[in-house]
Amino acid sequence: MCPTRNDQRSSCPGASGPGRELKSEPVTDAKSIDRLIENSFPSFGGAFLRRIWELLDAAIGSGVPMTLSVSGPVTLSGQVNTWLGPLLDTGWFAYVSTTDAACYHDGHRALNSAAEHPFHEVEIFGDDGQLRDERTIRVTDIGFDEDVLLEQDQFLRAVLRQDEFSHKMTGTEMRYRLGRRFAAQEQANGIAPGLLARCWKHAIPIFVGAPADGSVFLNSLDLWTRERIGGDSYAFDLDLHAEVFESCAYHRWGLFESDTRALGTLILGGGVPKNFNLQPEPALSQVLGLDDVSGYLYDIQITTAPVTDGSLSSCPPSEAVTWGKVDKDSYKKTCESFTCDYTIVMPFLVKALLDKRERFEQLSEKLGLETLLERHPEASGYLRPREGYRLFARRDELVEKLFTELRERGAPDADRNHYPLATPEPDPILDGH
């Protein structure tokens, strides 16, 4: 229950800036996008956007390593060129969680015949039968030739048969190696770097929680199948245990070794990428049994799913608090969920962040870094080195540190692996009778 107020300003916990005067500055007074959002979005949905901006600004300014969860066709749609790529080039993000489909479609624009098959706009409510007759694939309002998929498949099968892929590895290693291959194609064909190439350049690990749900893996399936019906040998395989453990090692690094001893996350959309992004904390604390493991300090999410649908896509940070995935002592001040299509607002938010960084860079040259940080301490977080955290380059070291901690902790209580199991009925399939 909220306390009785002493004046006309609410002080209920959870209110955005309790007691703060409502700002309604004319848009003509705004000199930058961030000032526009801060002063000319006074209420309703606009106020939610303002809250998201303020938390992003605070998270970046505080210097916490950020993780990014993004679902949807963010590469096929060209968003990797407009805002996602520039955001990852800042050095603010430690790792990414996305879909196999986003990785697969990331390669289309670098194919040798890409110029012959440009992406184009199509009607959302047009004649899909006609598009099928024309061999045009539609994703909402984006159209492209089916031959793009066929050439992408051919490219992937050629890559996955290379010696560097011919062993068991984590998905992060596979996507790191694939990023180098995509980067070579992009450079050869004069194409701007995509998602995987940028993450390879910055050694940003890319996690895919559902690797079998996409066409990179389907092409691996093709090679695996053909080996078993008399084709060429095929040795690539995914090590899912090692990949999940690797995500735990990075979370441990953020909590205990990073400069801030905390992590923040930006979640765009929902689904498996969101779940995978949130699961290292319960994996470390509830499953592996480590102490003093906390969740994200900042949890900033934009999703179209309504909170009443009961899905993980819609669950707000407060619900994640009950699982331990978000810090329970700070979430009322550092977390927000905005019901919106992220493709609408992310170009503005990223532009505001990048413009603010540029202003700090200019001020640093004018005033000197020491004076700048005295006046604007948040500039330190904004001006982090662009090369980023390069966690994939440190993965062996960080994974071994987590193993070492678990070894030193000793064997877990034997009782945790025992349960009074009921005896199942005989089964002729499972029992081999």
Protein backbone atom coordinates (compact mmCIF):
# COMPACT_ATOMS: atom_id res chain seq x y z
CA MET A 1 0.00 0.00 0.00
CA CYS A 2 1.33 3.44 -0.91
CA PRO A 3 2.00 5.80 1.99
CA THR A 4 -0.20 8.84 2.52
CA ARG A 5 1.32 11.64 0.49
CA ASN A 6 2.36 14.91 2.07
CA ASP A 7 1.90 16.92 -1.12
CA GLN A 8 0.46 16.39 -4.56
CA ARG A 9 3.34 14.22 -5.81
CA SER A 10 2.96 10.44 -5.74
CA SER A 11 5.67 8.42 -4.03
CA CYS A 12 4.38 4.92 -4.83
CA PRO A 13 7.27 2.50 -5.41
CA GLY A 14 7.63 1.53 -9.02
CA ALA A 15 6.41 4.83 -10.39
CA SER A 16 8.74 6.19 -13.06
CA GLY A 17 10.59 8.96 -11.32
CA PRO A 18 8.22 9.36 -8.33
CA GLY A 19 7.59 13.00 -7.57
CA ARG A 20 9.26 14.20 -10.76
CA GLU A 21 7.50 17.02 -12.53
CA LEU A 22 5.89 16.09 -15.85
CA LYS A 23 7.93 17.56 -18.70
CA SER A 24 6.20 18.77 -21.85
CA GLU A 25 8.77 20.75 -23.80
CA PRO A 26 7.89 21.78 -27.38
CA VAL A 27 9.64 19.65 -29.98
CA THR A 28 10.98 22.83 -31.54
CA ASP A 29 13.20 23.30 -28.48
CA ALA A 30 14.90 19.89 -28.78
CA LYS A 31 18.44 20.02 -30.16
CA SER A 32 18.98 16.25 -30.22
CA ILE A 33 17.00 13.01 -30.27
CA ASP A 34 17.79 12.18 -26.65
CA ARG A 35 16.60 15.61 -25.50
CA LEU A 36 13.47 15.15 -27.59
CA ILE A 37 12.69 11.83 -25.92
CA GLU A 38 13.51 13.10 -22.44
CA ASN A 39 11.40 16.27 -22.61
CA SER A 40 8.74 15.87 -25.30
CA PHE A 41 7.31 12.40 -24.55
CA PRO A 42 5.38 13.28 -21.39
CA SER A 43 2.86 10.46 -21.03
CA PHE A 44 1.20 7.22 -22.12
CA GLY A 45 3.13 5.15 -24.66
CA GLY A 46 5.55 8.01 -25.15
CA ALA A 47 6.42 7.91 -21.46
CA PHE A 48 7.23 4.19 -21.77
CA LEU A 49 9.60 5.01 -24.61
CA ARG A 50 11.17 7.74 -22.48
CA ARG A 51 11.61 5.27 -19.63
CA ILE A 52 13.30 2.76 -21.97
CA TRP A 53 15.65 5.49 -23.21
CA GLU A 54 16.51 6.65 -19.69
CA LEU A 55 17.36 3.11 -18.60
CA LEU A 56 19.45 2.44 -21.71
CA ASP A 57 21.25 5.72 -21.12
CA ALA A 58 21.86 4.78 -17.47
CA ALA A 59 23.03 1.26 -18.31
CA ILE A 60 25.48 2.43 -20.98
CA GLY A 61 26.66 5.32 -18.83
CA SER A 62 27.27 3.04 -15.84
CA GLY A 63 29.62 0.92 -17.92
CA VAL A 64 27.95 -2.45 -17.26
CA PRO A 65 28.65 -5.07 -19.93
CA MET A 66 25.43 -5.56 -21.89
CA THR A 67 24.02 -8.68 -23.47
CA LEU A 68 21.62 -8.55 -26.40
CA SER A 69 18.73 -10.89 -27.11
CA VAL A 70 17.09 -10.32 -30.48
CA SER A 71 14.44 -12.42 -32.22
CA GLY A 72 12.77 -11.97 -35.57
CA PRO A 73 14.23 -11.58 -39.09
CA VAL A 74 16.63 -8.85 -38.05
CA THR A 75 19.22 -9.72 -40.71
CA LEU A 76 16.99 -10.53 -43.69
CA SER A 77 15.10 -7.26 -43.14
CA GLY A 78 18.24 -5.13 -43.40
CA GLN A 79 18.07 -3.94 -39.80
CA VAL A 80 21.58 -5.24 -39.19
CA ASN A 81 22.78 -2.48 -41.51
CA THR A 82 20.59 0.32 -40.15
CA TRP A 83 20.91 0.07 -36.36
CA LEU A 84 21.99 -3.37 -35.09
CA GLY A 85 25.45 -3.33 -36.63
CA PRO A 86 26.27 0.21 -35.48
CA LEU A 87 25.09 -0.73 -31.98
CA LEU A 88 27.40 -3.76 -31.83
CA ASP A 89 30.32 -1.66 -33.10
CA THR A 90 30.25 0.42 -29.90
CA GLY A 91 31.98 -2.17 -27.71
CA TRP A 92 29.15 -2.06 -25.15
CA PHE A 93 27.83 -5.59 -25.75
CA ALA A 94 29.47 -8.74 -24.41
CA TYR A 95 27.46 -11.40 -26.25
CA VAL A 96 24.36 -11.94 -28.38
CA SER A 97 21.50 -14.44 -28.21
CA THR A 98 19.49 -14.88 -31.42
CA THR A 99 18.03 -17.49 -33.79
CA ASP A 100 19.55 -19.89 -36.29
CA ALA A 101 17.37 -18.20 -38.92
CA ALA A 102 18.90 -14.80 -38.23
CA CYS A 103 22.35 -16.34 -38.77
CA TYR A 104 21.27 -18.12 -41.97
CA HIS A 105 19.66 -15.08 -43.60
CA ASP A 106 22.66 -12.95 -42.60
CA GLY A 107 24.59 -14.41 -45.52
CA HIS A 108 22.20 -13.60 -48.37
CA ARG A 109 23.49 -10.16 -49.33
CA ALA A 110 27.07 -11.42 -49.66
CA LEU A 111 26.30 -14.22 -52.12
CA ASN A 112 27.97 -13.97 -55.50
CA SER A 113 24.65 -13.54 -57.30
CA ALA A 114 23.09 -11.21 -54.73
CA ALA A 115 22.99 -8.27 -57.15
CA GLU A 116 20.78 -10.34 -59.45
CA HIS A 117 18.29 -11.03 -56.66
CA PRO A 118 17.72 -7.81 -54.72
CA PHE A 119 15.45 -7.67 -51.71
CA HIS A 120 12.35 -5.61 -52.41
CA GLU A 121 9.09 -4.51 -50.84
CA VAL A 122 5.93 -6.55 -51.35
CA GLU A 123 2.36 -6.08 -50.17
CA ILE A 124 1.51 -7.69 -46.85
CA PHE A 125 -1.99 -8.51 -48.02
CA GLY A 126 -1.18 -9.17 -51.67
CA ASP A 127 -1.54 -12.32 -53.77
CA ASP A 128 0.76 -14.89 -52.16
CA GLY A 129 -0.27 -17.50 -54.71
CA GLN A 130 1.08 -15.29 -57.46
CA LEU A 131 4.29 -14.72 -55.48
CA ARG A 132 4.70 -18.48 -55.20
CA ASP A 133 4.24 -18.88 -58.95
CA GLU A 134 6.95 -16.24 -59.41
CA ARG A 135 9.19 -18.09 -56.90
CA THR A 136 9.23 -15.02 -54.65
CA ILE A 137 9.64 -15.68 -50.93
CA ARG A 138 7.76 -13.26 -48.66
CA VAL A 139 8.60 -12.29 -45.09
CA THR A 140 5.91 -9.79 -44.06
CA ASP A 141 6.60 -6.91 -46.47
CA ILE A 142 9.97 -8.16 -47.78
CA GLY A 143 10.31 -10.19 -50.96
CA PHE A 144 13.27 -12.03 -52.48
CA ASP A 145 13.95 -14.71 -55.06
CA GLU A 146 13.86 -18.36 -53.97
CA ASP A 147 17.19 -18.82 -55.74
CA VAL A 148 18.75 -16.84 -52.87
CA LEU A 149 17.88 -19.66 -50.48
CA LEU A 150 19.20 -22.31 -52.84
CA GLU A 151 22.52 -20.51 -53.28
CA GLN A 152 22.78 -19.89 -49.53
CA ASP A 153 22.28 -23.61 -48.95
CA GLN A 154 24.99 -24.41 -51.48
CA PHE A 155 27.37 -21.97 -49.79
CA LEU A 156 26.71 -23.41 -46.33
CA ARG A 157 27.19 -27.01 -47.41
CA ALA A 158 30.52 -26.07 -48.99
CA VAL A 159 31.60 -24.25 -45.81
CA LEU A 160 30.50 -26.95 -43.36
CA ARG A 161 32.56 -29.55 -45.24
CA GLN A 162 35.79 -27.57 -44.72
CA ASP A 163 38.42 -29.03 -42.38
CA GLU A 164 37.97 -26.23 -39.84
CA PHE A 165 34.38 -27.40 -39.23
CA SER A 166 35.20 -31.12 -39.16
CA HIS A 167 34.99 -31.70 -35.42
CA LYS A 168 32.62 -31.34 -32.49
CA MET A 169 32.32 -27.75 -31.33
CA THR A 170 30.03 -25.31 -29.59
CA GLY A 171 27.60 -23.27 -31.60
CA THR A 172 29.53 -20.13 -30.63
CA GLU A 173 32.64 -21.54 -32.30
CA MET A 174 30.67 -22.58 -35.37
CA ARG A 175 29.17 -19.08 -35.71
CA TYR A 176 32.54 -17.43 -35.07
CA ARG A 177 34.09 -19.48 -37.88
CA LEU A 178 31.05 -18.86 -40.07
CA GLY A 179 31.36 -15.13 -39.36
CA ARG A 180 34.88 -15.18 -40.78
CA ARG A 181 33.56 -16.93 -43.89
CA PHE A 182 30.70 -14.42 -44.26
CA ALA A 183 33.19 -11.57 -43.83
CA ALA A 184 35.33 -12.95 -46.67
CA GLN A 185 32.28 -13.12 -48.96
CA GLU A 186 31.22 -9.60 -48.02
CA GLN A 187 34.68 -8.22 -48.68
CA ALA A 188 34.94 -10.02 -52.01
CA ASN A 189 31.57 -8.67 -53.17
CA GLY A 190 31.81 -5.17 -51.67
CA ILE A 191 29.04 -5.69 -49.12
CA ALA A 192 28.78 -4.04 -45.68
CA PRO A 193 29.46 -6.41 -42.76
CA GLY A 194 26.47 -8.34 -41.46
CA LEU A 195 25.74 -9.68 -37.98
CA LEU A 196 28.10 -12.66 -37.95
CA ALA A 197 30.96 -10.76 -39.59
CA ARG A 198 30.71 -7.93 -37.05
CA CYS A 199 30.59 -10.37 -34.16
CA TRP A 200 33.61 -12.22 -35.59
CA LYS A 201 35.49 -8.92 -35.87
CA HIS A 202 34.75 -8.02 -32.24
CA ALA A 203 34.93 -11.63 -30.92
CA ILE A 204 31.35 -11.31 -29.64
CA PRO A 205 29.94 -14.80 -28.93
CA ILE A 206 26.62 -15.59 -30.64
CA PHE A 207 24.33 -18.05 -28.86
CA VAL A 208 21.40 -19.85 -30.48
CA GLY A 209 19.23 -21.67 -27.96
CA ALA A 210 17.32 -23.65 -30.61
CA PRO A 211 20.00 -24.51 -33.17
CA ALA A 212 17.92 -27.17 -34.94
CA ASP A 213 15.17 -24.65 -35.68
CA GLY A 214 16.74 -23.01 -38.71
CA SER A 215 18.38 -23.57 -42.06
CA VAL A 216 22.05 -23.45 -41.02
CA PHE A 217 21.37 -26.67 -39.14
CA LEU A 218 19.15 -28.06 -41.92
CA ASN A 219 22.12 -27.90 -44.27
CA SER A 220 24.18 -29.73 -41.68
CA LEU A 221 21.37 -32.29 -41.56
CA ASP A 222 21.66 -32.74 -45.33
CA LEU A 223 25.38 -33.52 -45.09
CA TRP A 224 24.83 -35.82 -42.08
CA THR A 225 22.09 -37.70 -43.95
CA ARG A 226 24.08 -38.14 -47.14
CA GLU A 227 27.03 -39.58 -45.25
CA ARG A 228 24.69 -42.27 -43.91
CA ILE A 229 23.40 -43.21 -47.35
CA GLY A 230 26.81 -43.56 -48.92
CA GLY A 231 27.99 -39.99 -49.43
CA ASP A 232 31.15 -38.20 -48.30
CA SER A 233 32.22 -38.32 -44.67
CA TYR A 234 30.97 -35.51 -42.44
CA ALA A 235 32.42 -34.75 -38.99
CA PHE A 236 30.79 -31.50 -37.82
CA ASP A 237 28.74 -31.81 -34.64
CA LEU A 238 27.34 -29.44 -32.03
CA ASP A 239 28.33 -29.65 -28.37
CA LEU A 240 25.29 -28.22 -26.61
CA HIS A 241 26.54 -28.97 -23.09
CA ALA A 242 29.72 -26.98 -23.71
CA GLU A 243 27.77 -24.11 -25.27
CA VAL A 244 25.44 -23.69 -22.29
CA PHE A 245 28.40 -24.00 -19.91
CA GLU A 246 30.19 -21.30 -21.92
CA SER A 247 27.24 -18.94 -21.43
CA CYS A 248 27.48 -19.60 -17.68
CA ALA A 249 31.21 -18.79 -17.76
CA TYR A 250 30.51 -15.43 -19.38
CA HIS A 251 27.80 -14.62 -16.84
CA ARG A 252 30.22 -15.48 -14.04
CA TRP A 253 32.80 -13.18 -15.63
CA GLY A 254 30.30 -10.31 -15.71
CA LEU A 255 29.37 -10.75 -12.04
CA PHE A 256 32.80 -11.36 -10.56
CA GLU A 257 35.49 -10.13 -12.97
CA SER A 258 34.13 -7.26 -15.05
CA ASP A 259 34.84 -3.71 -13.89
CA THR A 260 31.26 -3.17 -12.73
CA ARG A 261 30.64 -6.63 -11.21
CA ALA A 262 27.22 -6.53 -12.84
CA LEU A 263 25.49 -7.16 -16.16
CA GLY A 264 22.71 -5.53 -18.12
CA THR A 265 20.57 -6.92 -20.92
CA LEU A 266 18.60 -5.51 -23.83
CA ILE A 267 15.86 -7.91 -24.96
CA LEU A 268 14.18 -7.29 -28.31
CA GLY A 269 11.28 -9.62 -28.96
CA GLY A 270 11.09 -12.85 -26.97
CA GLY A 271 11.05 -16.58 -27.57
CA VAL A 272 14.07 -18.85 -27.23
CA PRO A 273 16.68 -16.06 -27.60
CA LYS A 274 15.22 -14.33 -24.55
CA ASN A 275 15.07 -17.54 -22.51
CA PHE A 276 18.63 -18.55 -23.36
CA ASN A 277 19.84 -15.06 -22.52
CA LEU A 278 18.23 -15.25 -19.07
CA GLN A 279 19.13 -18.80 -18.09
CA PRO A 280 22.81 -18.54 -17.02
CA GLU A 281 21.85 -17.28 -13.55
CA PRO A 282 19.57 -20.22 -12.62
CA ALA A 283 22.03 -22.58 -14.31
CA LEU A 284 24.83 -21.30 -12.07
CA SER A 285 22.86 -21.01 -8.83
CA GLN A 286 20.03 -23.54 -8.90
CA VAL A 287 21.60 -26.25 -11.08
CA LEU A 288 25.37 -26.01 -10.56
CA GLY A 289 24.91 -24.84 -6.98
CA LEU A 290 27.16 -21.78 -6.84
CA ASP A 291 26.61 -19.12 -4.18
CA ASP A 292 26.26 -15.35 -4.54
CA VAL A 293 25.12 -15.52 -8.15
CA SER A 294 22.80 -12.67 -9.06
CA GLY A 295 20.70 -11.86 -12.08
CA TYR A 296 20.85 -8.89 -14.42
CA LEU A 297 21.09 -5.45 -12.84
CA TYR A 298 19.48 -3.84 -15.91
CA ASP A 299 16.73 -5.63 -17.85
CA ILE A 300 15.37 -3.49 -20.68
CA GLN A 301 12.98 -5.20 -23.02
CA ILE A 302 10.72 -4.34 -25.96
CA THR A 303 8.18 -6.93 -27.00
CA THR A 304 4.83 -7.12 -28.78
CA ALA A 305 3.56 -9.98 -26.59
CA PRO A 306 0.90 -8.91 -24.06
CA VAL A 307 1.78 -9.73 -20.47
CA THR A 308 -1.49 -11.64 -20.04
CA ASP A 309 -0.63 -14.37 -22.56
CA GLY A 310 1.51 -16.29 -20.10
CA SER A 311 4.46 -16.68 -22.46
CA LEU A 312 8.10 -16.09 -21.70
CA SER A 313 8.10 -13.54 -24.53
CA SER A 314 5.78 -11.33 -22.51
CA CYS A 315 6.99 -11.86 -18.96
CA PRO A 316 8.30 -8.61 -17.45
CA PRO A 317 11.50 -8.23 -15.44
CA SER A 318 9.50 -8.39 -12.20
CA GLU A 319 8.44 -11.96 -13.03
CA ALA A 320 12.04 -12.83 -13.88
CA VAL A 321 12.98 -11.59 -10.38
CA THR A 322 11.07 -14.53 -8.88
CA TRP A 323 13.31 -16.91 -10.83
CA GLY A 324 16.48 -15.09 -9.77
CA LYS A 325 17.20 -14.00 -13.35
CA VAL A 326 16.95 -10.28 -12.50
CA ASP A 327 18.35 -8.54 -9.42
CA LYS A 328 15.58 -8.33 -6.80
CA ASP A 329 16.99 -5.31 -4.98
CA SER A 330 17.19 -3.01 -7.99
CA TYR A 331 14.57 -4.06 -10.52
CA LYS A 332 12.05 -1.35 -9.64
CA LYS A 333 14.58 1.29 -10.65
CA THR A 334 16.60 -0.43 -13.36
CA CYS A 335 14.16 -2.53 -15.37
CA GLU A 336 11.30 -1.92 -17.79
CA SER A 337 9.26 -3.79 -20.37
CA PHE A 338 7.73 -1.81 -23.24
CA THR A 339 4.93 -3.33 -25.32
CA CYS A 340 5.98 -2.22 -28.79
CA ASP A 341 7.41 -3.47 -32.08
CA TYR A 342 11.12 -2.89 -31.56
CA THR A 343 11.65 -2.21 -35.27
CA ILE A 344 9.75 1.06 -34.80
CA VAL A 345 11.82 2.50 -31.97
CA MET A 346 15.30 0.98 -32.16
CA PRO A 347 16.57 3.22 -34.99
CA PHE A 348 15.73 6.27 -32.87
CA LEU A 349 17.15 4.83 -29.64
CA VAL A 350 20.40 3.72 -31.26
CA LYS A 351 20.79 7.03 -33.05
CA ALA A 352 20.31 8.85 -29.74
CA LEU A 353 22.92 6.63 -28.04
CA LEU A 354 25.44 7.08 -30.83
CA ASP A 355 24.91 10.84 -31.00
CA LYS A 356 25.46 11.11 -27.28
CA ARG A 357 28.67 9.14 -27.57
CA GLU A 358 29.83 11.42 -30.36
CA ARG A 359 29.13 14.49 -28.20
CA PHE A 360 31.21 13.00 -25.40
CA GLU A 361 34.04 12.28 -27.83
CA GLN A 362 33.97 15.89 -28.99
CA LEU A 363 33.89 17.17 -25.42
CA SER A 364 36.78 14.90 -24.50
CA GLU A 365 38.89 16.49 -27.24
CA LYS A 366 37.84 19.97 -26.15
CA LEU A 367 38.02 19.63 -22.36
CA GLY A 368 40.31 16.67 -21.85
CA LEU A 369 39.08 13.31 -20.60
CA GLU A 370 39.71 14.04 -16.91
CA THR A 371 37.64 17.23 -16.94
CA LEU A 372 34.92 15.54 -18.98
CA LEU A 373 34.59 12.71 -16.47
CA GLU A 374 34.41 15.17 -13.58
CA ARG A 375 31.47 16.92 -15.25
CA HIS A 376 29.89 13.87 -16.86
CA PRO A 377 30.86 10.60 -15.08
CA GLU A 378 28.60 8.65 -17.42
CA ALA A 379 30.95 9.49 -20.29
CA SER A 380 33.23 6.74 -19.02
CA GLY A 381 30.64 4.10 -19.88
CA TYR A 382 29.82 5.66 -23.22
CA LEU A 383 33.47 5.93 -24.23
CA ARG A 384 34.40 2.32 -23.54
CA PRO A 385 36.90 0.96 -26.11
CA ARG A 386 35.21 0.10 -29.39
CA GLU A 387 37.01 -3.23 -29.64
CA GLY A 388 34.71 -4.41 -26.87
CA TYR A 389 35.10 -7.26 -24.40
CA ARG A 390 36.16 -9.90 -26.96
CA LEU A 391 34.83 -12.68 -24.76
CA PHE A 392 35.14 -15.37 -27.41
CA ALA A 393 38.89 -14.77 -27.45
CA ARG A 394 38.87 -15.48 -23.70
CA ARG A 395 36.43 -18.36 -23.70
CA ASP A 396 38.92 -21.15 -22.86
CA GLU A 397 40.24 -19.12 -19.93
CA LEU A 398 36.78 -18.21 -18.60
CA VAL A 399 35.38 -21.72 -19.04
CA GLU A 400 38.34 -23.18 -17.15
CA LYS A 401 37.84 -20.67 -14.31
CA LEU A 402 34.27 -21.87 -13.89
CA PHE A 403 35.40 -25.51 -13.93
CA THR A 404 38.06 -24.67 -11.34
CA GLU A 405 35.51 -23.03 -9.05
CA LEU A 406 33.26 -26.06 -9.29
CA ARG A 407 36.16 -28.43 -8.56
CA GLU A 408 37.24 -26.41 -5.54
CA ARG A 409 33.69 -26.42 -4.26
CA GLY A 410 33.85 -30.20 -4.13
CA ALA A 411 31.35 -32.89 -4.97
CA PRO A 412 27.71 -31.89 -4.51
CA ASP A 413 25.52 -33.50 -1.88
CA ALA A 414 24.74 -36.99 -3.12
CA ASP A 415 21.09 -36.59 -2.16
CA ARG A 416 20.57 -34.01 -4.91
CA ASN A 417 20.88 -36.80 -7.51
CA HIS A 418 18.44 -39.20 -5.84
CA TYR A 419 14.68 -39.26 -5.93
CA PRO A 420 12.09 -41.92 -4.98
CA LEU A 421 11.22 -42.87 -8.54
CA ALA A 422 8.03 -44.74 -9.35
CA THR A 423 8.50 -47.99 -11.32
CA PRO A 424 7.38 -47.53 -14.94
CA GLU A 425 5.28 -50.07 -16.83
CA PRO A 426 7.12 -52.43 -19.17
CA ASP A 427 7.44 -50.99 -22.67
CA PRO A 428 8.20 -53.27 -25.64
CA ILE A 429 9.81 -50.40 -27.58
CA LEU A 430 12.08 -49.10 -24.81
CA ASP A 431 12.81 -52.48 -23.22
CA GLY A 432 13.60 -54.17 -26.53
CA HIS A 433 11.11 -57.04 -26.17
